[in-house]
Protein backbone atom coordinates (compact mmCIF):
# COMPACT_ATOMS: atom_id res chain seq x y z
CA UNK A 1 119.87 -78.99 68.29
CA UNK A 2 117.25 -78.34 66.08
CA UNK A 3 115.99 -74.68 65.77
CA UNK A 4 112.71 -73.93 67.95
CA UNK A 5 109.93 -73.47 65.58
CA UNK A 6 106.56 -71.78 66.87
CA UNK A 7 104.72 -73.80 64.29
CA UNK A 8 101.65 -75.29 65.85
CA UNK A 9 102.78 -74.20 69.20
CA UNK A 10 100.12 -73.24 71.59
CA UNK A 11 100.78 -69.69 72.72
CA UNK A 12 98.56 -68.02 75.40
CA UNK A 13 99.46 -64.42 75.61
CA UNK A 14 97.79 -61.88 78.10
CA UNK A 15 96.98 -58.09 77.48
CA UNK A 16 97.06 -59.29 73.69
CA UNK A 17 94.84 -56.86 72.31
CA UNK A 18 97.15 -54.32 72.10
CA UNK A 19 100.80 -52.82 72.47
CA UNK A 20 103.42 -55.58 72.87
CA UNK A 21 100.91 -58.31 73.25
CA UNK A 22 99.26 -57.63 70.13
CA UNK A 23 102.56 -56.96 68.10
CA UNK A 24 103.77 -60.77 69.60
CA UNK A 25 100.44 -62.22 68.59
CA UNK A 26 100.90 -61.30 65.22
CA UNK A 27 104.47 -61.97 64.81
CA UNK A 28 103.93 -65.60 66.23
CA UNK A 29 100.81 -66.02 64.06
CA UNK A 30 103.08 -65.29 60.82
CA UNK A 31 105.19 -68.49 62.19
CA UNK A 32 102.11 -70.65 62.25
CA UNK A 33 101.28 -70.69 65.88
CA UNK A 34 98.26 -71.46 67.48
CA UNK A 35 97.03 -68.57 69.89
CA UNK A 36 94.79 -67.84 72.76
CA UNK A 37 94.62 -64.04 73.85
CA UNK A 38 93.39 -62.96 76.66
CA UNK A 39 92.45 -59.21 77.41
CA UNK A 40 89.55 -57.50 78.99
CA UNK A 41 88.49 -55.73 76.04
CA UNK A 42 87.01 -58.78 74.19
CA UNK A 43 85.73 -56.33 71.09
CA UNK A 44 89.48 -55.46 70.61
CA UNK A 45 90.96 -59.01 71.39
CA UNK A 46 89.02 -60.17 68.39
CA UNK A 47 90.43 -57.72 66.21
CA UNK A 48 93.74 -58.83 67.09
CA UNK A 49 92.52 -62.77 66.37
CA UNK A 50 91.00 -61.82 63.27
CA UNK A 51 94.74 -60.01 61.96
CA UNK A 52 96.55 -63.17 63.50
CA UNK A 53 94.29 -65.34 61.10
CA UNK A 54 94.72 -63.69 58.15
CA UNK A 55 98.48 -63.80 59.11
CA UNK A 56 98.29 -67.61 58.68
CA UNK A 57 98.31 -68.47 62.69
CA UNK A 58 95.03 -70.03 64.65
CA UNK A 59 93.93 -67.69 67.22
CA UNK A 60 90.95 -68.05 69.99
CA UNK A 61 90.02 -64.50 71.62
CA UNK A 62 89.46 -64.63 74.89
CA UNK A 63 87.84 -62.39 77.70
CA UNK A 64 90.46 -61.98 80.68
CA UNK A 65 90.74 -59.95 83.57
CA UNK A 66 94.11 -61.27 84.89
CA UNK A 67 93.39 -59.37 88.75
CA UNK A 68 90.28 -62.42 89.14
CA UNK A 69 91.62 -65.69 89.71
CA UNK A 70 88.42 -67.19 88.19
CA UNK A 71 88.97 -64.73 85.17
CA UNK A 72 92.43 -66.58 84.78
CA UNK A 73 91.73 -70.45 85.33
CA UNK A 74 88.76 -70.02 82.53
CA UNK A 75 91.59 -68.54 80.30
CA UNK A 76 93.70 -71.58 81.07
CA UNK A 77 90.69 -74.06 80.97
CA UNK A 78 89.42 -72.51 77.50
CA UNK A 79 93.22 -72.87 75.98
CA UNK A 80 93.42 -76.43 76.81
CA UNK A 81 89.76 -77.04 75.81
CA UNK A 82 90.86 -75.27 72.27
CA UNK A 83 93.91 -76.71 71.35
CA UNK A 84 94.76 -79.96 73.99
CA UNK A 85 97.60 -78.36 75.48
CA UNK A 86 99.73 -75.28 76.31
CA UNK A 87 103.46 -74.86 75.10
CA UNK A 88 104.05 -71.19 75.67
CA UNK A 89 102.66 -68.48 78.54
CA UNK A 90 103.35 -65.20 78.13
CA UNK A 91 102.14 -62.95 81.23
CA UNK A 92 102.25 -59.86 79.40
CA UNK A 93 99.19 -58.21 80.77
CA UNK A 94 99.80 -54.52 82.80
CA UNK A 95 98.95 -51.61 84.20
CA UNK A 96 101.43 -48.54 84.93
CA UNK A 97 100.99 -45.41 87.01
CA UNK A 98 102.39 -41.65 86.37
CA UNK A 99 103.00 -39.62 89.46
CA UNK A 100 105.05 -39.34 92.98
CA UNK A 101 103.98 -41.31 95.70
CA UNK A 102 103.51 -38.12 97.88
CA UNK A 103 100.96 -37.01 95.81
CA UNK A 104 98.51 -39.84 96.30
CA UNK A 105 95.73 -39.19 98.70
CA UNK A 106 94.55 -43.19 98.34
CA UNK A 107 96.43 -46.29 98.03
CA UNK A 108 93.67 -48.34 95.99
CA UNK A 109 96.07 -47.54 92.78
CA UNK A 110 98.73 -49.22 94.05
CA UNK A 111 96.73 -52.45 95.14
CA UNK A 112 95.11 -52.29 91.81
CA UNK A 113 98.35 -52.09 89.92
CA UNK A 114 99.82 -55.16 92.61
CA UNK A 115 96.62 -57.27 91.64
CA UNK A 116 97.33 -57.31 87.57
CA UNK A 117 100.94 -56.97 87.58
CA UNK A 118 102.13 -59.08 90.08
CA UNK A 119 98.81 -61.15 90.87
CA UNK A 120 97.77 -61.58 87.37
CA UNK A 121 101.00 -63.42 86.21
CA UNK A 122 100.90 -65.36 89.48
CA UNK A 123 97.45 -66.66 89.02
CA UNK A 124 97.76 -67.66 84.86
CA UNK A 125 100.61 -68.94 86.13
CA UNK A 126 99.35 -71.33 88.69
CA UNK A 127 96.59 -72.57 86.62
CA UNK A 128 98.91 -73.37 83.27
CA UNK A 129 101.68 -74.84 85.22
CA UNK A 130 100.45 -78.17 84.98
CA UNK A 131 100.01 -78.28 81.66
CA UNK A 132 103.29 -76.71 81.10
CA UNK A 133 105.00 -79.38 82.67
CA UNK A 134 103.10 -82.16 80.52
CA UNK A 135 104.80 -80.31 77.18
CA UNK A 136 108.26 -79.28 79.02
CA UNK A 137 106.79 -75.55 77.86
CA UNK A 138 108.31 -72.12 77.91
CA UNK A 139 106.99 -69.53 81.11
CA UNK A 140 107.41 -66.06 80.38
CA UNK A 141 107.33 -62.44 82.39
CA UNK A 142 107.37 -59.17 80.85
CA UNK A 143 108.47 -57.08 83.38
CA UNK A 144 110.38 -53.95 82.99
CA UNK A 145 113.56 -51.91 83.80
CA UNK A 146 111.74 -50.66 86.90
CA UNK A 147 111.55 -54.31 87.92
CA UNK A 148 115.67 -54.04 88.43
CA UNK A 149 115.74 -50.61 89.79
CA UNK A 150 113.40 -48.01 91.02
CA UNK A 151 112.23 -45.27 89.01
CA UNK A 152 110.68 -41.51 90.31
CA UNK A 153 107.04 -41.29 89.77
CA UNK A 154 106.59 -45.37 89.37
CA UNK A 155 106.88 -46.75 92.88
CA UNK A 156 103.90 -48.67 92.79
CA UNK A 157 104.77 -50.10 89.41
CA UNK A 158 108.46 -51.00 90.67
CA UNK A 159 107.05 -52.59 93.61
CA UNK A 160 105.07 -54.96 91.23
CA UNK A 161 107.90 -55.60 88.83
CA UNK A 162 109.88 -56.50 91.06
CA UNK A 163 107.37 -59.00 92.74
CA UNK A 164 107.47 -60.55 89.45
CA UNK A 165 110.99 -60.70 89.19
CA UNK A 166 111.18 -62.21 92.45
CA UNK A 167 108.38 -64.78 91.41
CA UNK A 168 109.63 -65.76 88.30
CA UNK A 169 113.23 -66.13 89.45
CA UNK A 170 112.33 -68.55 92.37
CA UNK A 171 110.36 -70.42 89.74
CA UNK A 172 113.03 -70.93 87.49
CA UNK A 173 115.13 -72.67 90.32
CA UNK A 174 111.96 -74.86 91.42
CA UNK A 175 110.95 -76.15 87.84
CA UNK A 176 114.86 -76.62 86.78
CA UNK A 177 114.54 -80.52 86.54
CA UNK A 178 110.93 -80.36 85.24
CA UNK A 179 111.79 -78.90 81.12
CA UNK A 180 109.90 -75.72 82.07
CA UNK A 181 112.11 -72.56 81.23
CA UNK A 182 111.47 -69.07 82.56
CA UNK A 183 112.39 -66.00 80.58
CA UNK A 184 111.99 -62.65 81.85
CA UNK A 185 111.66 -59.63 79.51
CA UNK A 186 112.76 -56.54 81.12
CA UNK A 187 112.16 -53.73 78.27
CA UNK A 188 112.72 -49.65 79.07
CA UNK A 189 110.16 -47.33 77.88
CA UNK A 190 108.39 -48.79 74.54
CA UNK A 191 105.80 -46.99 72.46
CA UNK A 192 102.36 -48.19 73.70
CA UNK A 193 99.10 -47.47 75.02
CA UNK A 194 100.14 -48.46 78.66
CA UNK A 195 101.10 -44.67 79.72
CA UNK A 196 97.93 -43.53 78.52
CA UNK A 197 96.10 -45.65 80.75
CA UNK A 198 98.40 -44.97 83.86
CA UNK A 199 97.31 -43.98 86.91
CA UNK A 200 97.66 -40.49 87.83
CA UNK A 201 97.65 -39.16 91.40
CA UNK A 202 94.06 -39.08 91.56
CA UNK A 203 93.83 -42.64 90.47
CA UNK A 204 92.03 -41.95 87.26
CA UNK A 205 93.90 -42.84 83.81
CA UNK A 206 95.82 -40.06 82.46
CA UNK A 207 94.29 -40.53 79.07
CA UNK A 208 97.72 -39.34 76.94
CA UNK A 209 101.33 -40.24 77.61
CA UNK A 210 103.18 -37.94 79.87
CA UNK A 211 106.27 -38.75 77.67
CA UNK A 212 107.36 -38.05 74.25
CA UNK A 213 106.55 -41.41 72.55
CA UNK A 214 108.99 -40.46 69.61
CA UNK A 215 112.13 -41.20 72.18
CA UNK A 216 111.02 -44.46 72.81
CA UNK A 217 111.17 -48.01 71.71
CA UNK A 218 109.04 -49.09 68.92
CA UNK A 219 106.68 -52.05 69.76
CA UNK A 220 108.48 -54.11 66.82
CA UNK A 221 111.93 -53.52 68.27
CA UNK A 222 110.52 -54.78 71.47
CA UNK A 223 109.07 -57.95 69.80
CA UNK A 224 112.00 -58.68 67.65
CA UNK A 225 114.35 -59.05 70.38
CA UNK A 226 111.71 -61.11 72.65
CA UNK A 227 111.03 -63.87 70.24
CA UNK A 228 114.25 -65.27 69.74
CA UNK A 229 114.92 -64.92 73.23
CA UNK A 230 111.90 -67.06 74.54
CA UNK A 231 112.43 -69.55 71.73
CA UNK A 232 116.20 -70.03 73.27
CA UNK A 233 114.79 -70.15 76.58
CA UNK A 234 116.67 -67.52 77.76
CA UNK A 235 117.54 -66.11 81.37
CA UNK A 236 116.29 -62.63 80.77
CA UNK A 237 116.32 -59.86 78.39
CA UNK A 238 117.53 -56.54 78.90
CA UNK A 239 116.98 -54.61 75.72
CA UNK A 240 119.54 -51.91 75.21
CA UNK A 241 123.18 -51.54 75.72
CA UNK A 242 122.50 -48.20 77.73
CA UNK A 243 120.27 -50.19 80.10
CA UNK A 244 122.62 -53.04 80.69
CA UNK A 245 125.53 -50.79 81.47
CA UNK A 246 123.00 -48.95 83.73
CA UNK A 247 122.59 -51.98 85.75
CA UNK A 248 126.42 -52.69 86.23
CA UNK A 249 126.94 -48.86 86.85
CA UNK A 250 123.94 -49.34 89.74
CA UNK A 251 126.32 -52.30 91.52
CA UNK A 252 129.37 -49.99 91.57
CA UNK A 253 127.61 -46.10 91.90
CA UNK A 254 124.45 -46.46 93.22
CA UNK A 255 123.47 -42.96 94.12
CA UNK A 256 125.08 -42.17 90.29
CA UNK A 257 122.25 -44.36 89.03
CA UNK A 258 119.62 -42.83 90.95
CA UNK A 259 120.33 -39.15 89.91
CA UNK A 260 120.31 -40.27 86.14
CA UNK A 261 116.84 -41.88 86.68
CA UNK A 262 115.55 -38.78 88.27
CA UNK A 263 117.27 -36.64 85.31
CA UNK A 264 115.95 -39.40 82.62
CA UNK A 265 111.86 -39.06 83.85
CA UNK A 266 112.29 -35.25 83.97
CA UNK A 267 114.17 -35.33 80.31
CA UNK A 268 111.59 -37.57 79.28
CA UNK A 269 108.49 -35.30 79.77
CA UNK A 270 106.62 -33.59 77.07
């Protein structure tokens, strides 16, 4: 089998103005991909697109709010209008939280997290799927280890990522005979801006990461694991040996994993 190349492949990435999305876009641009980049901050998205063009790829910067169905439809339609097809859709846009459930006085932040992380992925996938079926393309969901197991202070985030996992796992089965593959990415803590923008108990952005980011995986390392998995149509990627052991241990001693999760969150705080 010939090795898959991203050269001239149309890749749509949500949440591509920073963090994992931006690094993925730049790395794929170096391989000659044709990129459609969506994010709410169009100015930052234009900067990413310009960098991608400098690296040798084509790049279209589009304003995108994944929580809005119409915005997702426009993102996909403008991508197809520009390039004529979609080969890969990476559902990467997301928001997070950092507070214990009992500390909240309003559930609105939980609704917002679900809209962005789960429904945003659903909307974009819904509008892109007819085009992906034509190209026998690749669907990618960027989840989190919290999509596999609960983590203290992340209840709403974990719920949204569990929803993503269930949605894409089901799609994988349904799309088995279409040629469209589904790859789920399960990073642990990655050094991005997502925790700075995470909701606190008051529903407002923290503006500062609650973690010591020097202890987390770099976006470069994360993306270096993602790209070959997408190319090879892998079912899922759990990124560290420690995480893989933890998931096996959860099957054998779930109570112990609960204790480890609580300790890890407490230890990682500044």
